[in-house]
């Protein structure tokens, strides 16, 4: 069974070395606290032990292939192969589509400002025409 240093574990879990040291110290302290009836074991340690026991049994029941990579944790397959390929394609398209959406938002904003300009221009021309019309029909 492979063993890891606290630094290696911290790199694998992408946390600070001190965090791993505190977690290990907490586990050791909990195991040494016996309460007169034996070690008190946290629930998360129980799950780890169950997982480890299940994997130990699975390893002895099945022949090992040296070329086969072993999984550290069990996994659940959520995708079929076709669904996975489609998912992969969508993930790679995401940055491009996100950029296109941002460009479209900028274009939409420019169209909104143009519409506002033309609306204001129309109202100015309408005012000018009304004043012109009124000046033609007013008696002198």
N, C-alpha and C. Protein backbone atom coordinates (compact mmCIF):
# COMPACT_ATOMS: atom_id res chain seq x y z
N UNK A 1 0.85 -1.17 0.00
CA UNK A 1 0.00 0.00 0.00
C UNK A 1 0.90 1.24 0.00
N UNK A 2 0.58 2.17 -0.90
CA UNK A 2 1.39 3.38 -1.03
C UNK A 2 1.12 4.31 0.15
N UNK A 3 2.14 5.01 0.60
CA UNK A 3 2.02 5.96 1.70
C UNK A 3 2.43 7.33 1.19
N UNK A 4 1.85 8.37 1.81
CA UNK A 4 2.07 9.73 1.38
C UNK A 4 2.55 10.59 2.54
N UNK A 5 3.33 11.59 2.23
CA UNK A 5 3.72 12.57 3.25
C UNK A 5 2.59 13.60 3.37
N UNK A 6 2.62 14.39 4.43
CA UNK A 6 1.59 15.42 4.58
C UNK A 6 1.68 16.44 3.44
N UNK A 7 2.87 16.70 2.97
CA UNK A 7 3.02 17.63 1.85
C UNK A 7 2.39 17.07 0.59
N UNK A 8 2.60 15.78 0.32
CA UNK A 8 2.00 15.16 -0.87
C UNK A 8 0.48 15.16 -0.77
N UNK A 9 -0.04 14.86 0.42
CA UNK A 9 -1.50 14.86 0.61
C UNK A 9 -2.05 16.27 0.42
N UNK A 10 -1.35 17.26 0.94
CA UNK A 10 -1.82 18.64 0.78
C UNK A 10 -1.84 19.05 -0.69
N UNK A 11 -0.86 18.59 -1.45
CA UNK A 11 -0.84 18.90 -2.89
C UNK A 11 -1.96 18.18 -3.63
N UNK A 12 -2.22 16.92 -3.24
CA UNK A 12 -3.30 16.15 -3.89
C UNK A 12 -4.65 16.81 -3.61
N UNK A 13 -4.88 17.21 -2.36
CA UNK A 13 -6.16 17.80 -1.95
C UNK A 13 -6.21 19.30 -2.20
N UNK A 14 -5.09 19.88 -2.60
CA UNK A 14 -4.99 21.31 -2.88
C UNK A 14 -5.38 22.15 -1.66
N UNK A 15 -4.76 21.79 -0.52
CA UNK A 15 -4.94 22.54 0.72
C UNK A 15 -3.58 22.79 1.34
N UNK A 16 -3.54 23.60 2.37
CA UNK A 16 -2.31 23.91 3.07
C UNK A 16 -1.81 22.69 3.85
N UNK A 17 -0.49 22.55 3.96
CA UNK A 17 0.11 21.45 4.72
C UNK A 17 -0.37 21.48 6.16
N UNK A 18 -0.49 22.67 6.72
CA UNK A 18 -0.93 22.81 8.12
C UNK A 18 -2.34 22.26 8.31
N UNK A 19 -3.19 22.42 7.31
CA UNK A 19 -4.56 21.88 7.39
C UNK A 19 -4.52 20.36 7.53
N UNK A 20 -3.69 19.73 6.73
CA UNK A 20 -3.57 18.26 6.80
C UNK A 20 -3.01 17.86 8.17
N UNK A 21 -2.02 18.58 8.66
CA UNK A 21 -1.43 18.26 9.96
C UNK A 21 -2.49 18.36 11.07
N UNK A 22 -3.33 19.40 11.02
CA UNK A 22 -4.39 19.56 12.03
C UNK A 22 -5.40 18.42 11.94
N UNK A 23 -5.78 18.04 10.72
CA UNK A 23 -6.76 16.96 10.55
C UNK A 23 -6.21 15.63 11.06
N UNK A 24 -4.95 15.35 10.76
CA UNK A 24 -4.33 14.11 11.25
C UNK A 24 -4.23 14.14 12.77
N UNK A 25 -3.84 15.28 13.33
CA UNK A 25 -3.74 15.39 14.78
C UNK A 25 -5.10 15.18 15.44
N UNK A 26 -6.16 15.70 14.83
CA UNK A 26 -7.51 15.51 15.36
C UNK A 26 -7.89 14.03 15.34
N UNK A 27 -7.57 13.35 14.23
CA UNK A 27 -7.87 11.91 14.14
C UNK A 27 -7.12 11.12 15.21
N UNK A 28 -5.84 11.43 15.38
CA UNK A 28 -5.04 10.72 16.38
C UNK A 28 -5.57 11.00 17.78
N UNK A 29 -5.91 12.25 18.07
CA UNK A 29 -6.44 12.61 19.39
C UNK A 29 -7.76 11.88 19.64
N UNK A 30 -8.60 11.79 18.63
CA UNK A 30 -9.88 11.08 18.80
C UNK A 30 -9.65 9.60 19.06
N UNK A 31 -8.65 9.02 18.41
CA UNK A 31 -8.40 7.59 18.59
C UNK A 31 -7.79 7.29 19.96
N UNK A 32 -7.06 8.24 20.52
CA UNK A 32 -6.46 8.01 21.84
C UNK A 32 -7.43 8.32 22.96
N UNK A 33 -8.52 9.03 22.67
CA UNK A 33 -9.56 9.31 23.67
C UNK A 33 -10.44 8.06 23.78
N UNK A 34 -10.26 7.27 24.83
CA UNK A 34 -10.89 5.96 24.90
C UNK A 34 -12.22 5.95 25.62
N UNK A 35 -12.48 6.88 26.50
CA UNK A 35 -13.72 6.93 27.25
C UNK A 35 -13.94 5.64 28.05
N UNK A 36 -12.86 4.93 28.36
CA UNK A 36 -12.94 3.72 29.16
C UNK A 36 -13.45 2.50 28.41
N UNK A 37 -13.91 2.63 27.18
CA UNK A 37 -14.49 1.51 26.44
C UNK A 37 -13.76 1.22 25.13
N UNK A 38 -12.65 1.83 24.91
CA UNK A 38 -11.93 1.69 23.66
C UNK A 38 -11.93 3.01 22.91
N UNK A 39 -11.31 3.04 21.76
CA UNK A 39 -11.17 4.28 21.00
C UNK A 39 -12.52 4.77 20.49
N UNK A 40 -12.72 6.08 20.54
CA UNK A 40 -13.91 6.70 19.96
C UNK A 40 -13.58 7.07 18.52
N UNK A 41 -14.35 6.56 17.59
CA UNK A 41 -14.05 6.74 16.17
C UNK A 41 -15.12 7.63 15.54
N UNK A 42 -14.67 8.69 14.88
CA UNK A 42 -15.59 9.60 14.19
C UNK A 42 -16.28 8.88 13.04
N UNK A 43 -17.44 9.43 12.65
CA UNK A 43 -18.23 8.84 11.57
C UNK A 43 -17.48 8.84 10.24
N UNK A 44 -16.75 9.93 9.95
CA UNK A 44 -16.02 9.98 8.69
C UNK A 44 -14.91 8.94 8.64
N UNK A 45 -14.30 8.64 9.78
CA UNK A 45 -13.28 7.59 9.83
C UNK A 45 -13.94 6.23 9.61
N UNK A 46 -15.14 6.06 10.18
CA UNK A 46 -15.88 4.80 9.97
C UNK A 46 -16.15 4.58 8.49
N UNK A 47 -16.57 5.63 7.77
CA UNK A 47 -16.82 5.51 6.33
C UNK A 47 -15.53 5.15 5.59
N UNK A 48 -14.44 5.77 5.98
CA UNK A 48 -13.15 5.47 5.36
C UNK A 48 -12.78 4.00 5.59
N UNK A 49 -12.98 3.53 6.82
CA UNK A 49 -12.67 2.12 7.13
C UNK A 49 -13.58 1.17 6.36
N UNK A 50 -14.86 1.52 6.23
CA UNK A 50 -15.79 0.69 5.45
C UNK A 50 -15.35 0.60 4.00
N UNK A 51 -15.00 1.76 3.45
CA UNK A 51 -14.55 1.79 2.05
C UNK A 51 -13.30 0.96 1.86
N UNK A 52 -12.38 1.13 2.80
CA UNK A 52 -11.12 0.38 2.73
C UNK A 52 -11.37 -1.12 2.86
N UNK A 53 -12.26 -1.52 3.76
CA UNK A 53 -12.58 -2.94 3.94
C UNK A 53 -13.21 -3.51 2.67
N UNK A 54 -14.12 -2.75 2.07
CA UNK A 54 -14.77 -3.21 0.84
C UNK A 54 -13.75 -3.37 -0.27
N UNK A 55 -12.80 -2.44 -0.38
CA UNK A 55 -11.78 -2.54 -1.42
C UNK A 55 -10.81 -3.67 -1.15
N UNK A 56 -10.50 -3.93 0.12
CA UNK A 56 -9.62 -5.06 0.45
C UNK A 56 -10.26 -6.37 0.03
N UNK A 57 -11.57 -6.51 0.28
CA UNK A 57 -12.29 -7.73 -0.12
C UNK A 57 -12.33 -7.84 -1.63
N UNK A 58 -12.60 -6.73 -2.31
CA UNK A 58 -12.68 -6.74 -3.76
C UNK A 58 -11.33 -7.12 -4.37
N UNK A 59 -10.24 -6.66 -3.78
CA UNK A 59 -8.92 -6.96 -4.31
C UNK A 59 -8.58 -8.44 -4.14
N UNK A 60 -9.02 -9.05 -3.05
CA UNK A 60 -8.71 -10.47 -2.85
C UNK A 60 -9.63 -11.35 -3.68
N UNK A 61 -10.84 -10.86 -4.01
CA UNK A 61 -11.78 -11.66 -4.79
C UNK A 61 -11.47 -11.64 -6.28
N UNK A 62 -10.86 -10.56 -6.77
CA UNK A 62 -10.61 -10.43 -8.20
C UNK A 62 -9.12 -10.53 -8.49
N UNK A 63 -8.75 -11.21 -9.61
CA UNK A 63 -7.34 -11.25 -9.99
C UNK A 63 -6.86 -9.86 -10.40
N UNK A 64 -5.64 -9.53 -10.03
CA UNK A 64 -5.08 -8.22 -10.34
C UNK A 64 -4.36 -8.23 -11.68
N UNK A 65 -4.56 -7.20 -12.43
CA UNK A 65 -3.85 -7.00 -13.69
C UNK A 65 -2.85 -5.88 -13.44
N UNK A 66 -1.57 -6.16 -13.59
CA UNK A 66 -0.54 -5.17 -13.28
C UNK A 66 -0.62 -3.94 -14.18
N UNK A 67 -1.15 -4.08 -15.39
CA UNK A 67 -1.24 -2.96 -16.31
C UNK A 67 -2.45 -2.08 -16.04
N UNK A 68 -3.40 -2.60 -15.25
CA UNK A 68 -4.63 -1.87 -15.00
C UNK A 68 -4.41 -0.83 -13.90
N UNK A 69 -4.88 0.41 -14.16
CA UNK A 69 -4.76 1.45 -13.15
C UNK A 69 -5.81 1.20 -12.07
N UNK A 70 -5.41 1.36 -10.81
CA UNK A 70 -6.36 1.17 -9.73
C UNK A 70 -6.97 2.51 -9.35
N UNK A 71 -8.22 2.49 -9.01
CA UNK A 71 -8.93 3.70 -8.61
C UNK A 71 -8.75 3.91 -7.12
N UNK A 72 -8.52 5.15 -6.72
CA UNK A 72 -8.40 5.45 -5.30
C UNK A 72 -9.76 5.47 -4.63
N UNK A 73 -10.78 5.97 -5.35
CA UNK A 73 -12.11 6.08 -4.79
C UNK A 73 -13.10 5.47 -5.77
N UNK A 74 -14.20 4.93 -5.26
CA UNK A 74 -15.21 4.39 -6.18
C UNK A 74 -15.86 5.53 -6.95
N UNK A 75 -16.38 5.24 -8.12
CA UNK A 75 -17.02 6.27 -8.92
C UNK A 75 -18.31 5.72 -9.51
N UNK A 76 -19.18 6.63 -9.91
CA UNK A 76 -20.45 6.26 -10.52
C UNK A 76 -20.44 6.81 -11.93
N UNK A 77 -20.86 5.98 -12.88
CA UNK A 77 -20.89 6.42 -14.27
C UNK A 77 -22.24 7.07 -14.54
N UNK A 78 -22.21 8.35 -14.89
CA UNK A 78 -23.43 9.10 -15.15
C UNK A 78 -23.73 9.24 -16.63
N UNK A 79 -22.76 9.06 -17.49
CA UNK A 79 -22.92 9.28 -18.91
C UNK A 79 -22.72 7.97 -19.68
N UNK A 80 -23.44 7.86 -20.79
CA UNK A 80 -23.09 6.83 -21.76
C UNK A 80 -21.92 7.41 -22.56
N UNK A 81 -21.30 6.59 -23.37
CA UNK A 81 -20.17 7.07 -24.16
C UNK A 81 -20.59 8.19 -25.10
N UNK A 82 -21.77 8.05 -25.73
CA UNK A 82 -22.26 9.08 -26.64
C UNK A 82 -22.56 10.38 -25.90
N UNK A 83 -23.19 10.25 -24.73
CA UNK A 83 -23.50 11.44 -23.93
C UNK A 83 -22.22 12.13 -23.47
N UNK A 84 -21.22 11.35 -23.12
CA UNK A 84 -19.95 11.92 -22.69
C UNK A 84 -19.29 12.71 -23.81
N UNK A 85 -19.30 12.15 -25.02
CA UNK A 85 -18.72 12.85 -26.17
C UNK A 85 -19.46 14.16 -26.44
N UNK A 86 -20.78 14.12 -26.33
CA UNK A 86 -21.57 15.34 -26.52
C UNK A 86 -21.25 16.36 -25.42
N UNK A 87 -21.12 15.88 -24.19
CA UNK A 87 -20.77 16.75 -23.06
C UNK A 87 -19.40 17.38 -23.27
N UNK A 88 -18.45 16.59 -23.72
CA UNK A 88 -17.10 17.09 -23.98
C UNK A 88 -17.13 18.19 -25.05
N UNK A 89 -17.92 17.95 -26.09
CA UNK A 89 -18.04 18.93 -27.17
C UNK A 89 -18.63 20.23 -26.64
N UNK A 90 -19.65 20.14 -25.82
CA UNK A 90 -20.29 21.33 -25.26
C UNK A 90 -19.34 22.09 -24.34
N UNK A 91 -18.57 21.37 -23.56
CA UNK A 91 -17.62 22.01 -22.64
C UNK A 91 -16.56 22.79 -23.43
N UNK A 92 -16.09 22.21 -24.53
CA UNK A 92 -15.07 22.91 -25.32
C UNK A 92 -15.67 24.10 -26.06
N UNK A 93 -16.97 24.05 -26.38
CA UNK A 93 -17.62 25.17 -27.06
C UNK A 93 -17.95 26.30 -26.10
N UNK A 94 -18.03 26.03 -24.83
CA UNK A 94 -18.51 27.01 -23.84
C UNK A 94 -17.76 28.35 -23.90
N UNK A 95 -16.42 28.38 -23.86
CA UNK A 95 -15.74 29.69 -23.89
C UNK A 95 -16.07 30.50 -25.14
N UNK A 96 -16.16 29.82 -26.28
CA UNK A 96 -16.49 30.50 -27.53
C UNK A 96 -17.90 31.08 -27.46
N UNK A 97 -18.85 30.28 -26.98
CA UNK A 97 -20.23 30.75 -26.89
C UNK A 97 -20.37 31.88 -25.88
N UNK A 98 -19.64 31.80 -24.79
CA UNK A 98 -19.68 32.86 -23.79
C UNK A 98 -19.18 34.18 -24.39
N UNK A 99 -18.11 34.11 -25.18
CA UNK A 99 -17.58 35.30 -25.84
C UNK A 99 -18.60 35.86 -26.83
N UNK A 100 -19.26 34.98 -27.57
CA UNK A 100 -20.27 35.41 -28.53
C UNK A 100 -21.43 36.11 -27.82
N UNK A 101 -21.83 35.60 -26.67
CA UNK A 101 -22.90 36.22 -25.90
C UNK A 101 -22.50 37.62 -25.45
N UNK A 102 -21.27 37.75 -24.97
CA UNK A 102 -20.78 39.06 -24.55
C UNK A 102 -20.76 40.04 -25.73
N UNK A 103 -20.30 39.56 -26.89
CA UNK A 103 -20.30 40.41 -28.09
C UNK A 103 -21.72 40.82 -28.47
N UNK A 104 -22.66 39.87 -28.35
CA UNK A 104 -24.05 40.17 -28.68
C UNK A 104 -24.63 41.20 -27.72
N UNK A 105 -24.26 41.12 -26.45
CA UNK A 105 -24.73 42.10 -25.47
C UNK A 105 -24.21 43.49 -25.82
N UNK A 106 -22.94 43.57 -26.20
CA UNK A 106 -22.38 44.86 -26.59
C UNK A 106 -23.08 45.41 -27.82
N UNK A 107 -23.36 44.55 -28.80
CA UNK A 107 -24.05 44.96 -30.02
C UNK A 107 -25.46 45.44 -29.68
N UNK A 108 -26.15 44.73 -28.81
CA UNK A 108 -27.49 45.11 -28.39
C UNK A 108 -27.48 46.47 -27.69
N UNK A 109 -26.48 46.70 -26.85
CA UNK A 109 -26.36 48.00 -26.19
C UNK A 109 -26.15 49.12 -27.20
N UNK A 110 -25.33 48.87 -28.22
CA UNK A 110 -25.12 49.91 -29.24
C UNK A 110 -26.40 50.17 -30.03
N UNK A 111 -27.18 49.12 -30.30
CA UNK A 111 -28.47 49.32 -30.99
C UNK A 111 -29.44 50.11 -30.13
N UNK A 112 -29.45 49.85 -28.84
CA UNK A 112 -30.31 50.60 -27.93
C UNK A 112 -29.95 52.08 -27.94
N UNK A 113 -28.67 52.38 -27.91
CA UNK A 113 -28.25 53.78 -27.92
C UNK A 113 -28.60 54.44 -29.26
N UNK A 114 -28.50 53.72 -30.37
CA UNK A 114 -28.89 54.27 -31.67
C UNK A 114 -30.39 54.56 -31.71
N UNK A 115 -31.18 53.62 -31.17
CA UNK A 115 -32.64 53.83 -31.14
C UNK A 115 -32.97 55.06 -30.31
N UNK A 116 -32.31 55.23 -29.19
CA UNK A 116 -32.54 56.40 -28.35
C UNK A 116 -32.16 57.69 -29.08
N UNK A 117 -31.07 57.66 -29.83
CA UNK A 117 -30.63 58.83 -30.62
C UNK A 117 -31.69 59.18 -31.67
N UNK A 118 -32.16 58.16 -32.40
CA UNK A 118 -33.16 58.41 -33.45
C UNK A 118 -34.49 58.88 -32.86
N UNK A 119 -34.86 58.38 -31.69
CA UNK A 119 -36.09 58.82 -31.03
C UNK A 119 -35.99 60.30 -30.66
N UNK A 120 -34.85 60.69 -30.09
CA UNK A 120 -34.64 62.10 -29.72
C UNK A 120 -34.62 62.98 -30.96
N UNK A 121 -33.97 62.50 -32.01
CA UNK A 121 -33.90 63.26 -33.27
C UNK A 121 -35.29 63.44 -33.86
N UNK A 122 -36.10 62.39 -33.82
CA UNK A 122 -37.47 62.47 -34.33
C UNK A 122 -38.26 63.50 -33.55
N UNK A 123 -38.14 63.51 -32.23
CA UNK A 123 -38.88 64.48 -31.41
C UNK A 123 -38.43 65.92 -31.70
N UNK A 124 -37.15 66.12 -31.93
CA UNK A 124 -36.66 67.46 -32.27
C UNK A 124 -37.25 67.92 -33.60
N UNK A 125 -37.24 67.04 -34.61
CA UNK A 125 -37.80 67.39 -35.91
C UNK A 125 -39.30 67.66 -35.81
N UNK A 126 -39.98 66.88 -34.99
CA UNK A 126 -41.42 67.07 -34.79
C UNK A 126 -41.68 68.45 -34.17
N UNK A 127 -40.88 68.83 -33.19
CA UNK A 127 -41.02 70.15 -32.57
C UNK A 127 -40.78 71.26 -33.60
N UNK A 128 -39.75 71.08 -34.42
CA UNK A 128 -39.44 72.09 -35.45
C UNK A 128 -40.61 72.22 -36.42
N UNK A 129 -41.18 71.11 -36.86
CA UNK A 129 -42.30 71.15 -37.81
C UNK A 129 -43.54 71.78 -37.17
N UNK A 130 -43.78 71.48 -35.91
CA UNK A 130 -44.93 72.09 -35.23
C UNK A 130 -44.76 73.60 -35.15
N UNK A 131 -43.55 74.06 -34.79
CA UNK A 131 -43.29 75.51 -34.69
C UNK A 131 -43.41 76.17 -36.06
N UNK A 132 -42.91 75.48 -37.09
CA UNK A 132 -43.00 76.00 -38.45
C UNK A 132 -44.45 76.10 -38.89
N UNK A 133 -45.20 75.08 -38.60
CA UNK A 133 -46.63 75.08 -38.96
C UNK A 133 -47.38 76.16 -38.22
N UNK A 134 -47.09 76.32 -36.97
CA UNK A 134 -47.77 77.37 -36.17
C UNK A 134 -47.41 78.76 -36.69
N UNK A 135 -46.18 78.95 -37.12
CA UNK A 135 -45.77 80.28 -37.59
C UNK A 135 -46.41 80.60 -38.94
N UNK A 136 -46.76 79.61 -39.72
CA UNK A 136 -47.42 79.86 -41.01
C UNK A 136 -48.88 80.27 -40.84
N UNK A 137 -49.54 79.75 -39.82
CA UNK A 137 -50.95 80.00 -39.64
C UNK A 137 -51.26 81.11 -38.64
N UNK A 138 -50.27 81.69 -38.03
CA UNK A 138 -50.52 82.76 -37.08
C UNK A 138 -50.67 84.08 -37.81
N UNK A 139 -51.66 84.87 -37.42
CA UNK A 139 -51.81 86.19 -38.07
C UNK A 139 -50.71 87.13 -37.64
N UNK A 140 -50.34 87.98 -38.50
CA UNK A 140 -49.23 88.91 -38.20
C UNK A 140 -49.70 90.18 -37.62
